[in-house]
Amino acid sequence: MSTPLSPQAVAEAVRDAMVREDHASKGLGMEILAVGPGRATIRMTVRQDMLNGFAICHGGLITTLADSAFAFACNAYNELTVASGITIDIVAPARQGDVLTAVAHEVSLAGRTGVYDVNVRNQRDELVAVFRGKSYRIKGKPVVPGLTAGAAQE
């Protein structure tokens, strides 16, 4: 019989499993800085191949960064969770060489649905984008089969 893991240890084990198969995030050079129950922080440096015709980071790539942070935050409980909707407001441009950090946190979790906010900031701590994701948990589908969480909080 295995010892149940703390919620933080579960979030880290889920992160490790997700990273192994997340070719999109890896391909864009994203680095997962932190995870925890209902939260995640991810960083990405804007490369030349991420620029649009105006020499600014393509909005879809900023959205992808925020969406990845959202995914790691909402799956941290080891219950397979997908997006049911997202919105994003890009409030400032990101340029080549900018280091963008997306910080996701849980706003609400009730039953199988959740709401998560993600702020994307550059290396000068200037707000670049505000993202809101709505999540839906797939009943009975763990991200990492056999992983059990204990009641202890960290």
N, C-alpha and C. Protein backbone atom coordinates (compact mmCIF):
# COMPACT_ATOMS: atom_id res chain seq x y z
N MET A 1 0.85 -1.18 0.00
CA MET A 1 0.00 0.00 0.00
C MET A 1 0.89 1.25 0.00
N SER A 2 0.63 2.17 -0.91
CA SER A 2 1.45 3.37 -1.00
C SER A 2 0.92 4.47 -0.09
N THR A 3 1.83 5.33 0.33
CA THR A 3 1.47 6.46 1.16
C THR A 3 0.88 7.56 0.27
N PRO A 4 -0.28 8.11 0.65
CA PRO A 4 -0.83 9.20 -0.14
C PRO A 4 0.12 10.40 -0.19
N LEU A 5 0.18 11.04 -1.33
CA LEU A 5 1.05 12.19 -1.52
C LEU A 5 0.36 13.47 -1.07
N SER A 6 1.15 14.47 -0.71
CA SER A 6 0.59 15.78 -0.39
C SER A 6 0.04 16.40 -1.67
N PRO A 7 -0.88 17.35 -1.56
CA PRO A 7 -1.38 18.03 -2.77
C PRO A 7 -0.26 18.65 -3.61
N GLN A 8 0.77 19.18 -2.96
CA GLN A 8 1.90 19.76 -3.70
C GLN A 8 2.65 18.67 -4.47
N ALA A 9 2.88 17.53 -3.83
CA ALA A 9 3.58 16.42 -4.50
C ALA A 9 2.75 15.89 -5.67
N VAL A 10 1.44 15.85 -5.53
CA VAL A 10 0.57 15.44 -6.63
C VAL A 10 0.72 16.41 -7.80
N ALA A 11 0.67 17.71 -7.51
CA ALA A 11 0.80 18.72 -8.56
C ALA A 11 2.14 18.56 -9.29
N GLU A 12 3.20 18.28 -8.56
CA GLU A 12 4.52 18.12 -9.17
C GLU A 12 4.59 16.85 -10.02
N ALA A 13 3.98 15.77 -9.55
CA ALA A 13 3.97 14.52 -10.32
C ALA A 13 3.16 14.70 -11.61
N VAL A 14 2.05 15.41 -11.52
CA VAL A 14 1.23 15.68 -12.72
C VAL A 14 2.02 16.55 -13.68
N ARG A 15 2.69 17.58 -13.17
CA ARG A 15 3.54 18.43 -14.02
C ARG A 15 4.55 17.58 -14.79
N ASP A 16 5.23 16.69 -14.08
CA ASP A 16 6.25 15.86 -14.71
C ASP A 16 5.66 14.99 -15.82
N ALA A 17 4.49 14.42 -15.57
CA ALA A 17 3.83 13.58 -16.58
C ALA A 17 3.38 14.41 -17.77
N MET A 18 2.84 15.58 -17.51
CA MET A 18 2.37 16.43 -18.61
C MET A 18 3.54 16.93 -19.46
N VAL A 19 4.63 17.33 -18.82
CA VAL A 19 5.78 17.87 -19.54
C VAL A 19 6.34 16.85 -20.53
N ARG A 20 6.35 15.58 -20.13
CA ARG A 20 6.90 14.54 -21.01
C ARG A 20 6.21 14.50 -22.37
N GLU A 21 4.92 14.82 -22.41
CA GLU A 21 4.16 14.72 -23.66
C GLU A 21 3.77 16.07 -24.25
N ASP A 22 4.16 17.16 -23.63
CA ASP A 22 3.74 18.50 -24.08
C ASP A 22 4.73 19.06 -25.09
N HIS A 23 4.61 18.60 -26.32
CA HIS A 23 5.54 19.00 -27.37
C HIS A 23 5.34 20.46 -27.76
N ALA A 24 4.14 20.98 -27.66
CA ALA A 24 3.88 22.38 -28.01
C ALA A 24 4.64 23.32 -27.07
N SER A 25 4.48 23.12 -25.77
CA SER A 25 5.17 23.98 -24.80
C SER A 25 6.68 23.85 -24.93
N LYS A 26 7.17 22.63 -25.08
CA LYS A 26 8.61 22.42 -25.22
C LYS A 26 9.12 23.07 -26.51
N GLY A 27 8.37 22.93 -27.59
CA GLY A 27 8.78 23.49 -28.87
C GLY A 27 8.87 25.00 -28.86
N LEU A 28 8.06 25.63 -28.01
CA LEU A 28 8.09 27.09 -27.89
C LEU A 28 9.09 27.55 -26.82
N GLY A 29 9.81 26.60 -26.24
CA GLY A 29 10.84 26.95 -25.25
C GLY A 29 10.29 27.32 -23.89
N MET A 30 9.08 26.90 -23.58
CA MET A 30 8.48 27.24 -22.29
C MET A 30 9.17 26.47 -21.17
N GLU A 31 9.31 27.13 -20.03
CA GLU A 31 9.89 26.54 -18.84
C GLU A 31 8.88 26.66 -17.70
N ILE A 32 8.53 25.53 -17.09
CA ILE A 32 7.60 25.54 -15.96
C ILE A 32 8.41 25.89 -14.72
N LEU A 33 8.12 27.05 -14.15
CA LEU A 33 8.87 27.53 -12.99
C LEU A 33 8.30 27.02 -11.68
N ALA A 34 6.97 26.90 -11.61
CA ALA A 34 6.33 26.48 -10.36
C ALA A 34 4.95 25.92 -10.66
N VAL A 35 4.55 24.95 -9.85
CA VAL A 35 3.18 24.42 -9.88
C VAL A 35 2.73 24.17 -8.45
N GLY A 36 1.45 24.11 -8.29
CA GLY A 36 0.86 23.77 -7.01
C GLY A 36 -0.62 23.55 -7.25
N PRO A 37 -1.35 23.16 -6.24
CA PRO A 37 -2.78 22.95 -6.43
C PRO A 37 -3.45 24.22 -6.94
N GLY A 38 -3.95 24.18 -8.17
CA GLY A 38 -4.67 25.31 -8.75
C GLY A 38 -3.81 26.48 -9.20
N ARG A 39 -2.50 26.26 -9.34
CA ARG A 39 -1.63 27.37 -9.76
C ARG A 39 -0.45 26.85 -10.56
N ALA A 40 0.08 27.74 -11.41
CA ALA A 40 1.27 27.41 -12.20
C ALA A 40 1.91 28.70 -12.70
N THR A 41 3.22 28.65 -12.86
CA THR A 41 3.98 29.76 -13.41
C THR A 41 4.89 29.22 -14.50
N ILE A 42 4.80 29.83 -15.70
CA ILE A 42 5.57 29.38 -16.87
C ILE A 42 6.21 30.58 -17.53
N ARG A 43 7.43 30.37 -18.05
CA ARG A 43 8.18 31.44 -18.70
C ARG A 43 8.53 31.05 -20.13
N MET A 44 8.56 32.07 -21.01
CA MET A 44 8.93 31.87 -22.41
C MET A 44 9.62 33.12 -22.92
N THR A 45 10.72 32.94 -23.63
CA THR A 45 11.43 34.05 -24.26
C THR A 45 10.94 34.19 -25.70
N VAL A 46 10.62 35.41 -26.09
CA VAL A 46 10.13 35.67 -27.45
C VAL A 46 11.30 35.60 -28.42
N ARG A 47 11.18 34.66 -29.38
CA ARG A 47 12.21 34.46 -30.40
C ARG A 47 11.79 35.12 -31.71
N GLN A 48 12.74 35.25 -32.62
CA GLN A 48 12.46 35.86 -33.92
C GLN A 48 11.35 35.11 -34.66
N ASP A 49 11.33 33.78 -34.57
CA ASP A 49 10.31 33.01 -35.28
C ASP A 49 8.92 33.11 -34.64
N MET A 50 8.79 33.89 -33.58
CA MET A 50 7.51 34.13 -32.93
C MET A 50 6.92 35.50 -33.30
N LEU A 51 7.65 36.25 -34.12
CA LEU A 51 7.23 37.60 -34.47
C LEU A 51 6.30 37.60 -35.68
N ASN A 52 5.32 38.50 -35.65
CA ASN A 52 4.43 38.66 -36.80
C ASN A 52 5.01 39.72 -37.75
N GLY A 53 4.23 40.14 -38.72
CA GLY A 53 4.69 41.10 -39.71
C GLY A 53 4.95 42.50 -39.18
N PHE A 54 4.59 42.75 -37.93
CA PHE A 54 4.84 44.05 -37.30
C PHE A 54 6.00 43.99 -36.31
N ALA A 55 6.76 42.89 -36.35
CA ALA A 55 7.91 42.66 -35.47
C ALA A 55 7.52 42.62 -33.99
N ILE A 56 6.29 42.16 -33.71
CA ILE A 56 5.87 41.92 -32.32
C ILE A 56 5.42 40.46 -32.21
N CYS A 57 5.45 39.97 -31.00
CA CYS A 57 5.07 38.57 -30.77
C CYS A 57 3.63 38.32 -31.22
N HIS A 58 3.45 37.28 -31.97
CA HIS A 58 2.12 36.90 -32.45
C HIS A 58 1.21 36.66 -31.24
N GLY A 59 0.03 37.24 -31.28
CA GLY A 59 -0.91 37.10 -30.16
C GLY A 59 -1.28 35.67 -29.85
N GLY A 60 -1.29 34.83 -30.87
CA GLY A 60 -1.60 33.42 -30.64
C GLY A 60 -0.56 32.73 -29.79
N LEU A 61 0.68 33.18 -29.87
CA LEU A 61 1.74 32.58 -29.06
C LEU A 61 1.68 33.06 -27.62
N ILE A 62 1.29 34.31 -27.42
CA ILE A 62 1.05 34.80 -26.06
C ILE A 62 -0.11 34.02 -25.45
N THR A 63 -1.13 33.78 -26.25
CA THR A 63 -2.29 33.00 -25.81
C THR A 63 -1.86 31.58 -25.46
N THR A 64 -0.99 31.00 -26.27
CA THR A 64 -0.52 29.64 -26.01
C THR A 64 0.24 29.56 -24.69
N LEU A 65 1.07 30.56 -24.41
CA LEU A 65 1.77 30.60 -23.13
C LEU A 65 0.78 30.62 -21.97
N ALA A 66 -0.20 31.51 -22.05
CA ALA A 66 -1.21 31.61 -20.98
C ALA A 66 -2.01 30.32 -20.87
N ASP A 67 -2.35 29.73 -22.00
CA ASP A 67 -3.13 28.49 -22.02
C ASP A 67 -2.35 27.34 -21.39
N SER A 68 -1.04 27.31 -21.61
CA SER A 68 -0.22 26.26 -20.99
C SER A 68 -0.19 26.42 -19.47
N ALA A 69 -0.06 27.65 -18.99
CA ALA A 69 -0.08 27.88 -17.54
C ALA A 69 -1.44 27.45 -16.97
N PHE A 70 -2.50 27.80 -17.66
CA PHE A 70 -3.87 27.38 -17.28
C PHE A 70 -3.95 25.86 -17.20
N ALA A 71 -3.42 25.17 -18.20
CA ALA A 71 -3.50 23.71 -18.23
C ALA A 71 -2.77 23.08 -17.04
N PHE A 72 -1.58 23.56 -16.74
CA PHE A 72 -0.84 22.99 -15.61
C PHE A 72 -1.54 23.30 -14.29
N ALA A 73 -2.15 24.47 -14.17
CA ALA A 73 -2.86 24.83 -12.93
C ALA A 73 -4.10 23.97 -12.72
N CYS A 74 -4.90 23.82 -13.76
CA CYS A 74 -6.18 23.12 -13.55
C CYS A 74 -6.04 21.60 -13.53
N ASN A 75 -4.94 21.05 -14.03
CA ASN A 75 -4.72 19.60 -13.97
C ASN A 75 -3.95 19.17 -12.73
N ALA A 76 -3.52 20.12 -11.91
CA ALA A 76 -2.65 19.84 -10.77
C ALA A 76 -3.28 18.93 -9.71
N TYR A 77 -4.56 18.70 -9.80
CA TYR A 77 -5.24 17.82 -8.83
C TYR A 77 -5.27 16.37 -9.30
N ASN A 78 -4.65 16.09 -10.44
CA ASN A 78 -4.62 14.76 -11.04
C ASN A 78 -5.99 14.28 -11.51
N GLU A 79 -6.79 15.22 -11.97
CA GLU A 79 -8.05 14.88 -12.63
C GLU A 79 -8.00 15.51 -14.01
N LEU A 80 -8.04 14.67 -15.05
CA LEU A 80 -7.90 15.16 -16.41
C LEU A 80 -8.90 16.29 -16.66
N THR A 81 -8.36 17.46 -16.99
CA THR A 81 -9.16 18.67 -17.12
C THR A 81 -8.82 19.35 -18.43
N VAL A 82 -9.86 19.78 -19.15
CA VAL A 82 -9.68 20.44 -20.44
C VAL A 82 -10.32 21.82 -20.39
N ALA A 83 -9.96 22.64 -21.36
CA ALA A 83 -10.56 23.97 -21.46
C ALA A 83 -11.94 23.85 -22.07
N SER A 84 -12.88 24.58 -21.50
CA SER A 84 -14.22 24.67 -22.11
C SER A 84 -14.43 26.05 -22.71
N GLY A 85 -13.50 26.96 -22.44
CA GLY A 85 -13.57 28.29 -23.03
C GLY A 85 -12.45 29.16 -22.49
N ILE A 86 -12.00 30.08 -23.34
CA ILE A 86 -10.97 31.03 -22.90
C ILE A 86 -11.28 32.40 -23.48
N THR A 87 -10.81 33.42 -22.79
CA THR A 87 -10.79 34.78 -23.33
C THR A 87 -9.42 35.36 -23.01
N ILE A 88 -8.98 36.28 -23.86
CA ILE A 88 -7.70 36.92 -23.60
C ILE A 88 -7.77 38.36 -24.08
N ASP A 89 -7.17 39.22 -23.31
CA ASP A 89 -6.97 40.62 -23.70
C ASP A 89 -5.48 40.86 -23.72
N ILE A 90 -4.96 41.21 -24.89
CA ILE A 90 -3.55 41.55 -25.01
C ILE A 90 -3.47 43.07 -24.86
N VAL A 91 -2.80 43.51 -23.81
CA VAL A 91 -2.82 44.93 -23.46
C VAL A 91 -1.53 45.67 -23.80
N ALA A 92 -0.49 44.93 -24.18
CA ALA A 92 0.78 45.55 -24.58
C ALA A 92 1.52 44.58 -25.48
N PRO A 93 2.35 45.09 -26.38
CA PRO A 93 3.09 44.20 -27.26
C PRO A 93 4.27 43.54 -26.55
N ALA A 94 4.65 42.38 -27.06
CA ALA A 94 5.88 41.72 -26.62
C ALA A 94 6.79 41.68 -27.84
N ARG A 95 8.07 41.92 -27.60
CA ARG A 95 9.04 42.02 -28.70
C ARG A 95 10.12 40.95 -28.56
N GLN A 96 10.87 40.76 -29.63
CA GLN A 96 11.94 39.78 -29.62
C GLN A 96 12.86 40.03 -28.42
N GLY A 97 13.17 38.95 -27.73
CA GLY A 97 14.03 39.02 -26.55
C GLY A 97 13.28 39.22 -25.24
N ASP A 98 12.03 39.64 -25.31
CA ASP A 98 11.25 39.77 -24.08
C ASP A 98 11.08 38.40 -23.43
N VAL A 99 11.13 38.41 -22.11
CA VAL A 99 10.90 37.19 -21.34
C VAL A 99 9.52 37.33 -20.71
N LEU A 100 8.61 36.49 -21.18
CA LEU A 100 7.22 36.55 -20.71
C LEU A 100 7.01 35.49 -19.64
N THR A 101 6.32 35.89 -18.58
CA THR A 101 5.98 34.96 -17.49
C THR A 101 4.48 34.96 -17.31
N ALA A 102 3.90 33.77 -17.38
CA ALA A 102 2.46 33.59 -17.19
C ALA A 102 2.23 32.98 -15.81
N VAL A 103 1.43 33.65 -15.01
CA VAL A 103 1.10 33.18 -13.66
C VAL A 103 -0.39 32.88 -13.62
N ALA A 104 -0.71 31.61 -13.42
CA ALA A 104 -2.10 31.15 -13.39
C ALA A 104 -2.52 30.85 -11.96
N HIS A 105 -3.76 31.23 -11.64
CA HIS A 105 -4.30 30.86 -10.34
C HIS A 105 -5.79 30.57 -10.46
N GLU A 106 -6.21 29.68 -9.60
CA GLU A 106 -7.60 29.25 -9.56
C GLU A 106 -8.47 30.33 -8.92
N VAL A 107 -9.55 30.68 -9.61
CA VAL A 107 -10.51 31.64 -9.09
C VAL A 107 -11.66 30.91 -8.43
N SER A 108 -12.10 29.82 -9.07
CA SER A 108 -13.25 29.07 -8.59
C SER A 108 -13.14 27.63 -9.06
N LEU A 109 -13.53 26.69 -8.20
CA LEU A 109 -13.60 25.28 -8.56
C LEU A 109 -14.82 24.70 -7.88
N ALA A 110 -15.78 24.27 -8.69
CA ALA A 110 -17.02 23.72 -8.14
C ALA A 110 -17.44 22.53 -9.00
N GLY A 111 -17.47 21.36 -8.36
CA GLY A 111 -17.83 20.17 -9.13
C GLY A 111 -16.80 19.91 -10.22
N ARG A 112 -17.27 19.82 -11.46
CA ARG A 112 -16.37 19.54 -12.56
C ARG A 112 -15.93 20.78 -13.33
N THR A 113 -16.34 21.96 -12.87
CA THR A 113 -15.97 23.18 -13.61
C THR A 113 -15.12 24.11 -12.76
N GLY A 114 -14.25 24.84 -13.44
CA GLY A 114 -13.39 25.78 -12.75
C GLY A 114 -13.17 27.03 -13.58
N VAL A 115 -12.69 28.06 -12.91
CA VAL A 115 -12.32 29.31 -13.57
C VAL A 115 -10.92 29.67 -13.09
N TYR A 116 -10.06 30.02 -14.06
CA TYR A 116 -8.67 30.33 -13.78
C TYR A 116 -8.29 31.62 -14.47
N ASP A 117 -7.56 32.48 -13.77
CA ASP A 117 -7.02 33.70 -14.35
C ASP A 117 -5.52 33.55 -14.53
N VAL A 118 -5.04 34.11 -15.63
CA VAL A 118 -3.61 34.09 -15.94
C VAL A 118 -3.19 35.50 -16.34
N ASN A 119 -2.18 36.02 -15.67
CA ASN A 119 -1.57 37.29 -16.07
C ASN A 119 -0.24 36.98 -16.73
N VAL A 120 0.01 37.62 -17.86
CA VAL A 120 1.28 37.48 -18.57
C VAL A 120 2.00 38.81 -18.46
N ARG A 121 3.23 38.77 -17.94
CA ARG A 121 4.04 39.98 -17.76
C ARG A 121 5.40 39.78 -18.41
N ASN A 122 6.02 40.89 -18.77
CA ASN A 122 7.36 40.81 -19.34
C ASN A 122 8.41 40.96 -18.24
N GLN A 123 9.68 40.97 -18.64
CA GLN A 123 10.77 41.02 -17.67
C GLN A 123 10.83 42.33 -16.90
N ARG A 124 10.13 43.34 -17.36
CA ARG A 124 10.06 44.63 -16.64
C ARG A 124 8.82 44.67 -15.74
N ASP A 125 8.14 43.54 -15.59
CA ASP A 125 6.93 43.39 -14.79
C ASP A 125 5.76 44.21 -15.36
N GLU A 126 5.80 44.46 -16.68
CA GLU A 126 4.70 45.16 -17.35
C GLU A 126 3.68 44.13 -17.82
N LEU A 127 2.42 44.43 -17.59
CA LEU A 127 1.35 43.52 -17.99
C LEU A 127 1.26 43.47 -19.51
N VAL A 128 1.28 42.28 -20.07
CA VAL A 128 1.17 42.07 -21.51
C VAL A 128 -0.20 41.52 -21.88
N ALA A 129 -0.73 40.61 -21.05
CA ALA A 129 -2.02 40.00 -21.37
C ALA A 129 -2.73 39.52 -20.11
N VAL A 130 -4.06 39.51 -20.21
CA VAL A 130 -4.92 38.99 -19.16
C VAL A 130 -5.79 37.91 -19.80
N PHE A 131 -5.73 36.72 -19.24
CA PHE A 131 -6.39 35.53 -19.79
C PHE A 131 -7.32 34.96 -18.74
N ARG A 132 -8.49 34.50 -19.15
CA ARG A 132 -9.38 33.76 -18.26
C ARG A 132 -9.76 32.47 -18.95
N GLY A 133 -9.56 31.37 -18.24
CA GLY A 133 -9.91 30.06 -18.76
C GLY A 133 -10.98 29.40 -17.92
N LYS A 134 -11.88 28.75 -18.61
CA LYS A 134 -12.90 27.93 -17.94
C LYS A 134 -12.55 26.47 -18.19
N SER A 135 -12.59 25.68 -17.14
CA SER A 135 -12.16 24.29 -17.25
C SER A 135 -13.31 23.32 -17.00
N TYR A 136 -13.11 22.11 -17.52
CA TYR A 136 -14.07 21.03 -17.32
C TYR A 136 -13.30 19.75 -17.02
N ARG A 137 -13.61 19.12 -15.88
CA ARG A 137 -12.96 17.87 -15.49
C ARG A 137 -13.67 16.68 -16.11
N ILE A 138 -12.88 15.76 -16.65
CA ILE A 138 -13.41 14.54 -17.22
C ILE A 138 -13.57 13.53 -16.07
N LYS A 139 -14.77 13.09 -15.84
CA LYS A 139 -15.08 12.21 -14.71
C LYS A 139 -14.30 10.90 -14.80
N GLY A 140 -13.63 10.58 -13.68
CA GLY A 140 -12.96 9.29 -13.56
C GLY A 140 -11.70 9.12 -14.37
N LYS A 141 -11.11 10.20 -14.86
CA LYS A 141 -9.90 10.12 -15.69
C LYS A 141 -8.75 10.85 -15.00
N PRO A 142 -7.85 10.13 -14.34
CA PRO A 142 -6.69 10.80 -13.76
C PRO A 142 -5.67 11.14 -14.84
N VAL A 143 -4.84 12.14 -14.58
CA VAL A 143 -3.73 12.44 -15.46
C VAL A 143 -2.66 11.36 -15.30
N VAL A 144 -2.37 11.00 -14.04
CA VAL A 144 -1.41 9.96 -13.70
C VAL A 144 -2.15 8.86 -12.97
N PRO A 145 -2.47 7.75 -13.64
CA PRO A 145 -3.18 6.66 -12.97
C PRO A 145 -2.42 6.14 -11.75
N GLY A 146 -3.16 5.84 -10.70
CA GLY A 146 -2.57 5.26 -9.50
C GLY A 146 -2.01 6.27 -8.50
N LEU A 147 -2.00 7.52 -8.84
CA LEU A 147 -1.50 8.57 -7.97
C LEU A 147 -2.59 8.92 -6.97
N THR A 148 -2.27 8.90 -5.68
CA THR A 148 -3.29 9.23 -4.68
C THR A 148 -2.83 10.38 -3.81
N ALA A 149 -3.76 11.28 -3.57
CA ALA A 149 -3.48 12.46 -2.75
C ALA A 149 -3.95 12.23 -1.33
N GLY A 150 -3.17 12.74 -0.39
CA GLY A 150 -3.56 12.70 1.01
C GLY A 150 -4.31 13.96 1.37
N ALA A 151 -4.70 14.08 2.61
CA ALA A 151 -5.46 15.23 3.07
C ALA A 151 -4.58 16.38 3.53
N ALA A 152 -3.28 16.12 3.70
CA ALA A 152 -2.38 17.14 4.22
C ALA A 152 -2.26 18.31 3.25
N GLN A 153 -2.26 19.50 3.77
CA GLN A 153 -2.07 20.71 2.97
C GLN A 153 -0.67 21.24 3.20
N GLU A 154 -0.08 21.82 2.13
CA GLU A 154 1.23 22.45 2.27
C GLU A 154 1.10 23.93 2.14
